[in-house]
PDB file of N, CA and C in Angstrom:
ATOM      1  N   UNK A   1       0.862  -1.176   0.003  1.00  0.00           N
ATOM      2  CA  UNK A   1      -0.015  -0.005  -0.018  1.00  0.00           C
ATOM      3  C   UNK A   1       0.897   1.235   0.005  1.00  0.00           C
ATOM      4  N   UNK A   2       0.495   2.222  -0.747  1.00  0.00           N
ATOM      5  CA  UNK A   2       1.245   3.450  -0.797  1.00  0.00           C
ATOM      6  C   UNK A   2       0.403   4.601  -0.243  1.00  0.00           C
ATOM      7  N   UNK A   3       0.978   5.401   0.639  1.00  0.00           N
ATOM      8  CA  UNK A   3       0.320   6.544   1.215  1.00  0.00           C
ATOM      9  C   UNK A   3       0.942   7.812   0.607  1.00  0.00           C
ATOM     10  N   UNK A   4       0.118   8.689   0.110  1.00  0.00           N
ATOM     11  CA  UNK A   4       0.591   9.926  -0.462  1.00  0.00           C
ATOM     12  C   UNK A   4       0.161  11.083   0.409  1.00  0.00           C
ATOM     13  N   UNK A   5       1.064  12.001   0.644  1.00  0.00           N
ATOM     14  CA  UNK A   5       0.738  13.176   1.494  1.00  0.00           C
ATOM     15  C   UNK A   5       0.363  14.289   0.549  1.00  0.00           C
ATOM     16  N   UNK A   6      -0.874  14.799   0.641  1.00  0.00           N
ATOM     17  CA  UNK A   6      -1.310  15.852  -0.318  1.00  0.00           C
ATOM     18  C   UNK A   6      -0.796  17.254   0.036  1.00  0.00           C
ATOM     19  N   UNK A   7      -0.124  17.390   1.158  1.00  0.00           N
ATOM     20  CA  UNK A   7       0.384  18.707   1.524  1.00  0.00           C
ATOM     21  C   UNK A   7       1.607  19.104   0.666  1.00  0.00           C
ATOM     22  N   UNK A   8       1.749  20.397   0.506  1.00  0.00           N
ATOM     23  CA  UNK A   8       2.907  20.919  -0.185  1.00  0.00           C
ATOM     24  C   UNK A   8       4.174  20.637   0.628  1.00  0.00           C
ATOM     25  N   UNK A   9       5.158  19.909   0.031  1.00  0.00           N
ATOM     26  CA  UNK A   9       6.350  19.590   0.804  1.00  0.00           C
ATOM     27  C   UNK A   9       7.200  20.825   1.089  1.00  0.00           C
ATOM     28  N   UNK A  10       6.934  21.915   0.404  1.00  0.00           N
ATOM     29  CA  UNK A  10       7.667  23.163   0.579  1.00  0.00           C
ATOM     30  C   UNK A  10       6.668  24.281   0.804  1.00  0.00           C
ATOM     31  N   UNK A  11       6.091  24.356   1.994  1.00  0.00           N
ATOM     32  CA  UNK A  11       5.000  25.296   2.283  1.00  0.00           C
ATOM     33  C   UNK A  11       5.332  26.748   2.115  1.00  0.00           C
ATOM     34  N   UNK A  12       6.629  27.087   2.131  1.00  0.00           N
ATOM     35  CA  UNK A  12       7.028  28.504   2.006  1.00  0.00           C
ATOM     36  C   UNK A  12       7.328  28.874   0.552  1.00  0.00           C
ATOM     37  N   UNK A  13       7.190  27.919  -0.363  1.00  0.00           N
ATOM     38  CA  UNK A  13       7.328  28.218  -1.771  1.00  0.00           C
ATOM     39  C   UNK A  13       6.009  28.188  -2.470  1.00  0.00           C
ATOM     40  N   UNK A  14       5.913  28.787  -3.649  1.00  0.00           N
ATOM     41  CA  UNK A  14       4.664  28.718  -4.407  1.00  0.00           C
ATOM     42  C   UNK A  14       4.369  27.279  -4.805  1.00  0.00           C
ATOM     43  N   UNK A  15       3.114  26.897  -4.782  1.00  0.00           N
ATOM     44  CA  UNK A  15       2.807  25.518  -5.263  1.00  0.00           C
ATOM     45  C   UNK A  15       3.125  25.367  -6.757  1.00  0.00           C
ATOM     46  N   UNK A  16       3.352  24.148  -7.174  1.00  0.00           N
ATOM     47  CA  UNK A  16       3.699  23.883  -8.576  1.00  0.00           C
ATOM     48  C   UNK A  16       2.521  24.153  -9.522  1.00  0.00           C
ATOM     49  N   UNK A  17       1.320  23.990  -8.999  1.00  0.00           N
ATOM     50  CA  UNK A  17       0.137  24.228  -9.806  1.00  0.00           C
ATOM     51  C   UNK A  17      -0.616  25.466  -9.253  1.00  0.00           C
ATOM     52  N   UNK A  18      -0.922  26.421 -10.089  1.00  0.00           N
ATOM     53  CA  UNK A  18      -1.578  27.614  -9.627  1.00  0.00           C
ATOM     54  C   UNK A  18      -2.991  27.310  -9.110  1.00  0.00           C
ATOM     55  N   UNK A  19      -3.492  28.087  -8.182  1.00  0.00           N
ATOM     56  CA  UNK A  19      -4.837  27.920  -7.667  1.00  0.00           C
ATOM     57  C   UNK A  19      -5.833  28.079  -8.782  1.00  0.00           C
ATOM     58  N   UNK A  20      -6.955  27.381  -8.675  1.00  0.00           N
ATOM     59  CA  UNK A  20      -7.972  27.406  -9.731  1.00  0.00           C
ATOM     60  C   UNK A  20      -8.699  28.766  -9.754  1.00  0.00           C
ATOM     61  N   UNK A  21      -8.874  29.384  -8.608  1.00  0.00           N
ATOM     62  CA  UNK A  21      -9.611  30.642  -8.531  1.00  0.00           C
ATOM     63  C   UNK A  21     -11.073  30.348  -8.685  1.00  0.00           C
ATOM     64  N   UNK A  22     -11.771  31.228  -9.396  1.00  0.00           N
ATOM     65  CA  UNK A  22     -13.213  31.067  -9.591  1.00  0.00           C
ATOM     66  C   UNK A  22     -13.510  29.816 -10.398  1.00  0.00           C
ATOM     67  N   UNK A  23     -14.578  29.140 -10.075  1.00  0.00           N
ATOM     68  CA  UNK A  23     -14.986  27.949 -10.806  1.00  0.00           C
ATOM     69  C   UNK A  23     -15.942  28.249 -11.975  1.00  0.00           C
ATOM     70  N   UNK A  24     -16.375  29.483 -12.061  1.00  0.00           N
ATOM     71  CA  UNK A  24     -17.358  29.852 -13.086  1.00  0.00           C
ATOM     72  C   UNK A  24     -16.776  29.585 -14.489  1.00  0.00           C
ATOM     73  N   UNK A  25     -17.581  28.847 -15.255  1.00  0.00           N
ATOM     74  CA  UNK A  25     -17.187  28.533 -16.624  1.00  0.00           C
ATOM     75  C   UNK A  25     -16.201  27.423 -16.776  1.00  0.00           C
ATOM     76  N   UNK A  26     -15.720  26.847 -15.693  1.00  0.00           N
ATOM     77  CA  UNK A  26     -14.691  25.782 -15.734  1.00  0.00           C
ATOM     78  C   UNK A  26     -15.324  24.387 -15.935  1.00  0.00           C
ATOM     79  N   UNK A  27     -14.505  23.444 -16.426  1.00  0.00           N
ATOM     80  CA  UNK A  27     -14.900  22.055 -16.465  1.00  0.00           C
ATOM     81  C   UNK A  27     -14.293  21.384 -15.264  1.00  0.00           C
ATOM     82  N   UNK A  28     -15.078  20.612 -14.563  1.00  0.00           N
ATOM     83  CA  UNK A  28     -14.661  19.944 -13.333  1.00  0.00           C
ATOM     84  C   UNK A  28     -14.688  18.431 -13.567  1.00  0.00           C
ATOM     85  N   UNK A  29     -13.638  17.772 -13.179  1.00  0.00           N
ATOM     86  CA  UNK A  29     -13.583  16.328 -13.228  1.00  0.00           C
ATOM     87  C   UNK A  29     -14.009  15.750 -11.888  1.00  0.00           C
ATOM     88  N   UNK A  30     -14.823  14.672 -11.932  1.00  0.00           N
ATOM     89  CA  UNK A  30     -15.251  13.985 -10.685  1.00  0.00           C
ATOM     90  C   UNK A  30     -14.757  12.577 -10.812  1.00  0.00           C
ATOM     91  N   UNK A  31     -13.741  12.219 -10.020  1.00  0.00           N
ATOM     92  CA  UNK A  31     -13.158  10.918 -10.077  1.00  0.00           C
ATOM     93  C   UNK A  31     -13.778   9.986  -9.002  1.00  0.00           C
ATOM     94  N   UNK A  32     -14.604   9.098  -9.477  1.00  0.00           N
ATOM     95  CA  UNK A  32     -15.324   8.206  -8.567  1.00  0.00           C
ATOM     96  C   UNK A  32     -14.460   6.957  -8.392  1.00  0.00           C
ATOM     97  N   UNK A  33     -14.072   6.715  -7.131  1.00  0.00           N
ATOM     98  CA  UNK A  33     -13.222   5.601  -6.803  1.00  0.00           C
ATOM     99  C   UNK A  33     -13.951   4.329  -6.447  1.00  0.00           C
ATOM    100  N   UNK A  34     -15.258   4.272  -6.788  1.00  0.00           N
ATOM    101  CA  UNK A  34     -16.019   3.073  -6.602  1.00  0.00           C
ATOM    102  C   UNK A  34     -16.667   2.897  -5.257  1.00  0.00           C
ATOM    103  N   UNK A  35     -16.443   3.802  -4.348  1.00  0.00           N
ATOM    104  CA  UNK A  35     -17.071   3.717  -3.008  1.00  0.00           C
ATOM    105  C   UNK A  35     -18.500   4.253  -3.150  1.00  0.00           C
ATOM    106  N   UNK A  36     -19.403   3.631  -2.407  1.00  0.00           N
ATOM    107  CA  UNK A  36     -20.798   3.984  -2.459  1.00  0.00           C
ATOM    108  C   UNK A  36     -21.034   5.461  -2.149  1.00  0.00           C
ATOM    109  N   UNK A  37     -20.274   5.989  -1.208  1.00  0.00           N
ATOM    110  CA  UNK A  37     -20.449   7.402  -0.865  1.00  0.00           C
ATOM    111  C   UNK A  37     -20.090   8.344  -2.030  1.00  0.00           C
ATOM    112  N   UNK A  38     -19.068   7.952  -2.811  1.00  0.00           N
ATOM    113  CA  UNK A  38     -18.722   8.774  -4.000  1.00  0.00           C
ATOM    114  C   UNK A  38     -19.754   8.660  -5.048  1.00  0.00           C
ATOM    115  N   UNK A  39     -20.355   7.516  -5.241  1.00  0.00           N
ATOM    116  CA  UNK A  39     -21.434   7.353  -6.234  1.00  0.00           C
ATOM    117  C   UNK A  39     -22.631   8.183  -5.838  1.00  0.00           C
ATOM    118  N   UNK A  40     -22.994   8.190  -4.544  1.00  0.00           N
ATOM    119  CA  UNK A  40     -24.147   8.942  -4.073  1.00  0.00           C
ATOM    120  C   UNK A  40     -23.917  10.446  -4.208  1.00  0.00           C
ATOM    121  N   UNK A  41     -22.750  10.908  -3.805  1.00  0.00           N
ATOM    122  CA  UNK A  41     -22.411  12.309  -3.970  1.00  0.00           C
ATOM    123  C   UNK A  41     -22.445  12.714  -5.419  1.00  0.00           C
ATOM    124  N   UNK A  42     -21.829  11.884  -6.237  1.00  0.00           N
ATOM    125  CA  UNK A  42     -21.722  12.184  -7.666  1.00  0.00           C
ATOM    126  C   UNK A  42     -23.084  12.336  -8.341  1.00  0.00           C
ATOM    127  N   UNK A  43     -24.037  11.532  -7.896  1.00  0.00           N
ATOM    128  CA  UNK A  43     -25.373  11.604  -8.516  1.00  0.00           C
ATOM    129  C   UNK A  43     -26.114  12.902  -8.175  1.00  0.00           C
ATOM    130  N   UNK A  44     -25.654  13.576  -7.144  1.00  0.00           N
ATOM    131  CA  UNK A  44     -26.316  14.778  -6.660  1.00  0.00           C
ATOM    132  C   UNK A  44     -25.556  16.084  -6.878  1.00  0.00           C
ATOM    133  N   UNK A  45     -24.290  15.990  -7.191  1.00  0.00           N
ATOM    134  CA  UNK A  45     -23.426  17.133  -7.098  1.00  0.00           C
ATOM    135  C   UNK A  45     -23.458  18.044  -8.334  1.00  0.00           C
ATOM    136  N   UNK A  46     -23.663  17.456  -9.498  1.00  0.00           N
ATOM    137  CA  UNK A  46     -23.548  18.235 -10.757  1.00  0.00           C
ATOM    138  C   UNK A  46     -24.467  19.466 -10.758  1.00  0.00           C
ATOM    139  N   UNK A  47     -25.716  19.289 -10.489  1.00  0.00           N
ATOM    140  CA  UNK A  47     -26.644  20.458 -10.466  1.00  0.00           C
ATOM    141  C   UNK A  47     -26.277  21.493  -9.479  1.00  0.00           C
ATOM    142  N   UNK A  48     -25.832  21.077  -8.317  1.00  0.00           N
ATOM    143  CA  UNK A  48     -25.396  22.021  -7.281  1.00  0.00           C
ATOM    144  C   UNK A  48     -24.190  22.811  -7.721  1.00  0.00           C
ATOM    145  N   UNK A  49     -23.219  22.150  -8.305  1.00  0.00           N
ATOM    146  CA  UNK A  49     -22.008  22.847  -8.741  1.00  0.00           C
ATOM    147  C   UNK A  49     -22.309  23.884  -9.845  1.00  0.00           C
ATOM    148  N   UNK A  50     -23.198  23.486 -10.751  1.00  0.00           N
ATOM    149  CA  UNK A  50     -23.537  24.412 -11.823  1.00  0.00           C
ATOM    150  C   UNK A  50     -24.325  25.621 -11.311  1.00  0.00           C
ATOM    151  N   UNK A  51     -25.306  25.333 -10.448  1.00  0.00           N
ATOM    152  CA  UNK A  51     -26.158  26.433  -9.910  1.00  0.00           C
ATOM    153  C   UNK A  51     -25.397  27.350  -8.969  1.00  0.00           C
ATOM    154  N   UNK A  52     -24.633  26.774  -8.077  1.00  0.00           N
ATOM    155  CA  UNK A  52     -24.003  27.577  -7.057  1.00  0.00           C
ATOM    156  C   UNK A  52     -22.659  28.207  -7.490  1.00  0.00           C
ATOM    157  N   UNK A  53     -21.882  27.471  -8.279  1.00  0.00           N
ATOM    158  CA  UNK A  53     -20.560  27.969  -8.603  1.00  0.00           C
ATOM    159  C   UNK A  53     -20.325  28.270 -10.080  1.00  0.00           C
ATOM    160  N   UNK A  54     -21.355  28.052 -10.914  1.00  0.00           N
ATOM    161  CA  UNK A  54     -21.233  28.353 -12.332  1.00  0.00           C
ATOM    162  C   UNK A  54     -20.387  27.432 -13.156  1.00  0.00           C
ATOM    163  N   UNK A  55     -20.161  26.205 -12.599  1.00  0.00           N
ATOM    164  CA  UNK A  55     -19.401  25.225 -13.362  1.00  0.00           C
ATOM    165  C   UNK A  55     -20.066  24.982 -14.716  1.00  0.00           C
ATOM    166  N   UNK A  56     -19.319  24.968 -15.768  1.00  0.00           N
ATOM    167  CA  UNK A  56     -19.842  24.787 -17.113  1.00  0.00           C
ATOM    168  C   UNK A  56     -20.154  23.330 -17.383  1.00  0.00           C
ATOM    169  N   UNK A  57     -19.311  22.409 -16.869  1.00  0.00           N
ATOM    170  CA  UNK A  57     -19.473  21.007 -17.170  1.00  0.00           C
ATOM    171  C   UNK A  57     -18.786  20.182 -16.087  1.00  0.00           C
ATOM    172  N   UNK A  58     -19.415  19.051 -15.750  1.00  0.00           N
ATOM    173  CA  UNK A  58     -18.809  18.053 -14.835  1.00  0.00           C
ATOM    174  C   UNK A  58     -18.610  16.784 -15.675  1.00  0.00           C
ATOM    175  N   UNK A  59     -17.366  16.342 -15.748  1.00  0.00           N
ATOM    176  CA  UNK A  59     -17.079  15.083 -16.425  1.00  0.00           C
ATOM    177  C   UNK A  59     -16.812  14.030 -15.325  1.00  0.00           C
ATOM    178  N   UNK A  60     -17.511  12.890 -15.439  1.00  0.00           N
ATOM    179  CA  UNK A  60     -17.366  11.832 -14.443  1.00  0.00           C
ATOM    180  C   UNK A  60     -16.362  10.774 -14.977  1.00  0.00           C
ATOM    181  N   UNK A  61     -15.445  10.391 -14.143  1.00  0.00           N
ATOM    182  CA  UNK A  61     -14.458   9.346 -14.474  1.00  0.00           C
ATOM    183  C   UNK A  61     -14.551   8.280 -13.417  1.00  0.00           C
ATOM    184  N   UNK A  62     -14.435   7.023 -13.817  1.00  0.00           N
ATOM    185  CA  UNK A  62     -14.382   5.912 -12.853  1.00  0.00           C
ATOM    186  C   UNK A  62     -12.972   5.425 -12.695  1.00  0.00           C
ATOM    187  N   UNK A  63     -12.557   5.330 -11.432  1.00  0.00           N
ATOM    188  CA  UNK A  63     -11.237   4.878 -11.054  1.00  0.00           C
ATOM    189  C   UNK A  63     -11.376   3.592 -10.289  1.00  0.00           C
ATOM    190  N   UNK A  64     -10.672   2.567 -10.608  1.00  0.00           N
ATOM    191  CA  UNK A  64     -10.807   1.271  -9.892  1.00  0.00           C
ATOM    192  C   UNK A  64     -10.508   1.449  -8.400  1.00  0.00           C
ATOM    193  N   UNK A  65     -11.286   0.771  -7.604  1.00  0.00           N
ATOM    194  CA  UNK A  65     -11.110   0.857  -6.167  1.00  0.00           C
ATOM    195  C   UNK A  65      -9.812   0.162  -5.717  1.00  0.00           C
ATOM    196  N   UNK A  66      -9.086   0.796  -4.862  1.00  0.00           N
ATOM    197  CA  UNK A  66      -7.898   0.248  -4.229  1.00  0.00           C
ATOM    198  C   UNK A  66      -6.759  -0.115  -5.206  1.00  0.00           C
ATOM    199  N   UNK A  67      -6.731   0.496  -6.372  1.00  0.00           N
ATOM    200  CA  UNK A  67      -5.628   0.276  -7.311  1.00  0.00           C
ATOM    201  C   UNK A  67      -5.292   1.607  -7.914  1.00  0.00           C
ATOM    202  N   UNK A  68      -4.185   1.630  -8.609  1.00  0.00           N
ATOM    203  CA  UNK A  68      -3.753   2.845  -9.303  1.00  0.00           C
ATOM    204  C   UNK A  68      -4.724   3.093 -10.483  1.00  0.00           C
ATOM    205  N   UNK A  69      -4.888   4.333 -10.878  1.00  0.00           N
ATOM    206  CA  UNK A  69      -5.720   4.621 -12.039  1.00  0.00           C
ATOM    207  C   UNK A  69      -5.101   4.051 -13.292  1.00  0.00           C
ATOM    208  N   UNK A  70      -5.953   3.784 -14.287  1.00  0.00           N
ATOM    209  CA  UNK A  70      -5.419   3.257 -15.583  1.00  0.00           C
ATOM    210  C   UNK A  70      -4.399   4.256 -16.163  1.00  0.00           C
ATOM    211  N   UNK A  71      -3.434   3.721 -16.898  1.00  0.00           N
ATOM    212  CA  UNK A  71      -2.393   4.548 -17.504  1.00  0.00           C
ATOM    213  C   UNK A  71      -3.041   5.635 -18.393  1.00  0.00           C
ATOM    214  N   UNK A  72      -2.571   6.844 -18.193  1.00  0.00           N
ATOM    215  CA  UNK A  72      -3.079   7.945 -18.996  1.00  0.00           C
ATOM    216  C   UNK A  72      -4.309   8.660 -18.475  1.00  0.00           C
ATOM    217  N   UNK A  73      -4.991   8.053 -17.495  1.00  0.00           N
ATOM    218  CA  UNK A  73      -6.229   8.699 -16.986  1.00  0.00           C
ATOM    219  C   UNK A  73      -5.966  10.073 -16.376  1.00  0.00           C
ATOM    220  N   UNK A  74      -4.990  10.174 -15.527  1.00  0.00           N
ATOM    221  CA  UNK A  74      -4.755  11.444 -14.864  1.00  0.00           C
ATOM    222  C   UNK A  74      -4.303  12.502 -15.874  1.00  0.00           C
ATOM    223  N   UNK A  75      -3.572  12.133 -16.882  1.00  0.00           N
ATOM    224  CA  UNK A  75      -3.187  13.058 -17.952  1.00  0.00           C
ATOM    225  C   UNK A  75      -4.432  13.522 -18.702  1.00  0.00           C
ATOM    226  N   UNK A  76      -5.340  12.596 -18.935  1.00  0.00           N
ATOM    227  CA  UNK A  76      -6.614  12.949 -19.624  1.00  0.00           C
ATOM    228  C   UNK A  76      -7.422  13.936 -18.794  1.00  0.00           C
ATOM    229  N   UNK A  77      -7.527  13.663 -17.499  1.00  0.00           N
ATOM    230  CA  UNK A  77      -8.256  14.567 -16.622  1.00  0.00           C
ATOM    231  C   UNK A  77      -7.597  15.957 -16.658  1.00  0.00           C
ATOM    232  N   UNK A  78      -6.301  16.028 -16.632  1.00  0.00           N
ATOM    233  CA  UNK A  78      -5.591  17.301 -16.670  1.00  0.00           C
ATOM    234  C   UNK A  78      -5.820  18.033 -17.965  1.00  0.00           C
ATOM    235  N   UNK A  79      -5.953  17.320 -19.059  1.00  0.00           N
ATOM    236  CA  UNK A  79      -6.220  17.948 -20.354  1.00  0.00           C
ATOM    237  C   UNK A  79      -7.636  18.487 -20.472  1.00  0.00           C
ATOM    238  N   UNK A  80      -8.588  17.725 -19.943  1.00  0.00           N
ATOM    239  CA  UNK A  80      -9.986  18.007 -20.112  1.00  0.00           C
ATOM    240  C   UNK A  80     -10.619  18.912 -19.045  1.00  0.00           C
ATOM    241  N   UNK A  81      -9.964  19.056 -17.908  1.00  0.00           N
ATOM    242  CA  UNK A  81     -10.591  19.766 -16.771  1.00  0.00           C
ATOM    243  C   UNK A  81      -9.639  20.772 -16.166  1.00  0.00           C
ATOM    244  N   UNK A  82     -10.217  21.798 -15.555  1.00  0.00           N
ATOM    245  CA  UNK A  82      -9.407  22.818 -14.860  1.00  0.00           C
ATOM    246  C   UNK A  82      -9.344  22.550 -13.351  1.00  0.00           C
ATOM    247  N   UNK A  83     -10.199  21.669 -12.857  1.00  0.00           N
ATOM    248  CA  UNK A  83     -10.217  21.303 -11.456  1.00  0.00           C
ATOM    249  C   UNK A  83     -10.859  19.922 -11.342  1.00  0.00           C
ATOM    250  N   UNK A  84     -10.647  19.285 -10.174  1.00  0.00           N
ATOM    251  CA  UNK A  84     -11.182  17.948 -10.009  1.00  0.00           C
ATOM    252  C   UNK A  84     -11.556  17.695  -8.546  1.00  0.00           C
ATOM    253  N   UNK A  85     -12.553  16.821  -8.383  1.00  0.00           N
ATOM    254  CA  UNK A  85     -12.882  16.284  -7.061  1.00  0.00           C
ATOM    255  C   UNK A  85     -12.475  14.818  -7.139  1.00  0.00           C
ATOM    256  N   UNK A  86     -11.672  14.431  -6.184  1.00  0.00           N
ATOM    257  CA  UNK A  86     -11.098  13.065  -6.205  1.00  0.00           C
ATOM    258  C   UNK A  86     -11.487  12.324  -4.920  1.00  0.00           C
ATOM    259  N   UNK A  87     -12.067  11.154  -5.077  1.00  0.00           N
ATOM    260  CA  UNK A  87     -12.446  10.324  -3.954  1.00  0.00           C
ATOM    261  C   UNK A  87     -11.203   9.577  -3.456  1.00  0.00           C
ATOM    262  N   UNK A  88     -10.859   9.765  -2.215  1.00  0.00           N
ATOM    263  CA  UNK A  88      -9.711   9.063  -1.662  1.00  0.00           C
ATOM    264  C   UNK A  88      -9.865   8.958  -0.156  1.00  0.00           C
ATOM    265  N   UNK A  89      -9.257   7.952   0.400  1.00  0.00           N
ATOM    266  CA  UNK A  89      -9.226   7.715   1.854  1.00  0.00           C
ATOM    267  C   UNK A  89     -10.627   7.567   2.457  1.00  0.00           C
ATOM    268  N   UNK A  90     -11.521   6.914   1.695  1.00  0.00           N
ATOM    269  CA  UNK A  90     -12.828   6.635   2.277  1.00  0.00           C
ATOM    270  C   UNK A  90     -12.709   5.682   3.391  1.00  0.00           C
TER     271      UNK A  90
END
């Protein structure tokens, strides 16, 4: 098992990826890791994100539970989306 620390390893330096800022007009990726809670949230979240934050589109991706994502998936998400919600550590 591999544990990844999502914190910036250099908190006094600028992050490698710039902050998203406003979500209005952006495409958001929703990576469902197969857990029931992610599926339930996913079925309800798209309308809320569009209405409340002006998200233009939500693209849903399925990631296998308890394994690494398929080759190329994260690159695809990065190409297609400006931000993402990722299910992890359920």
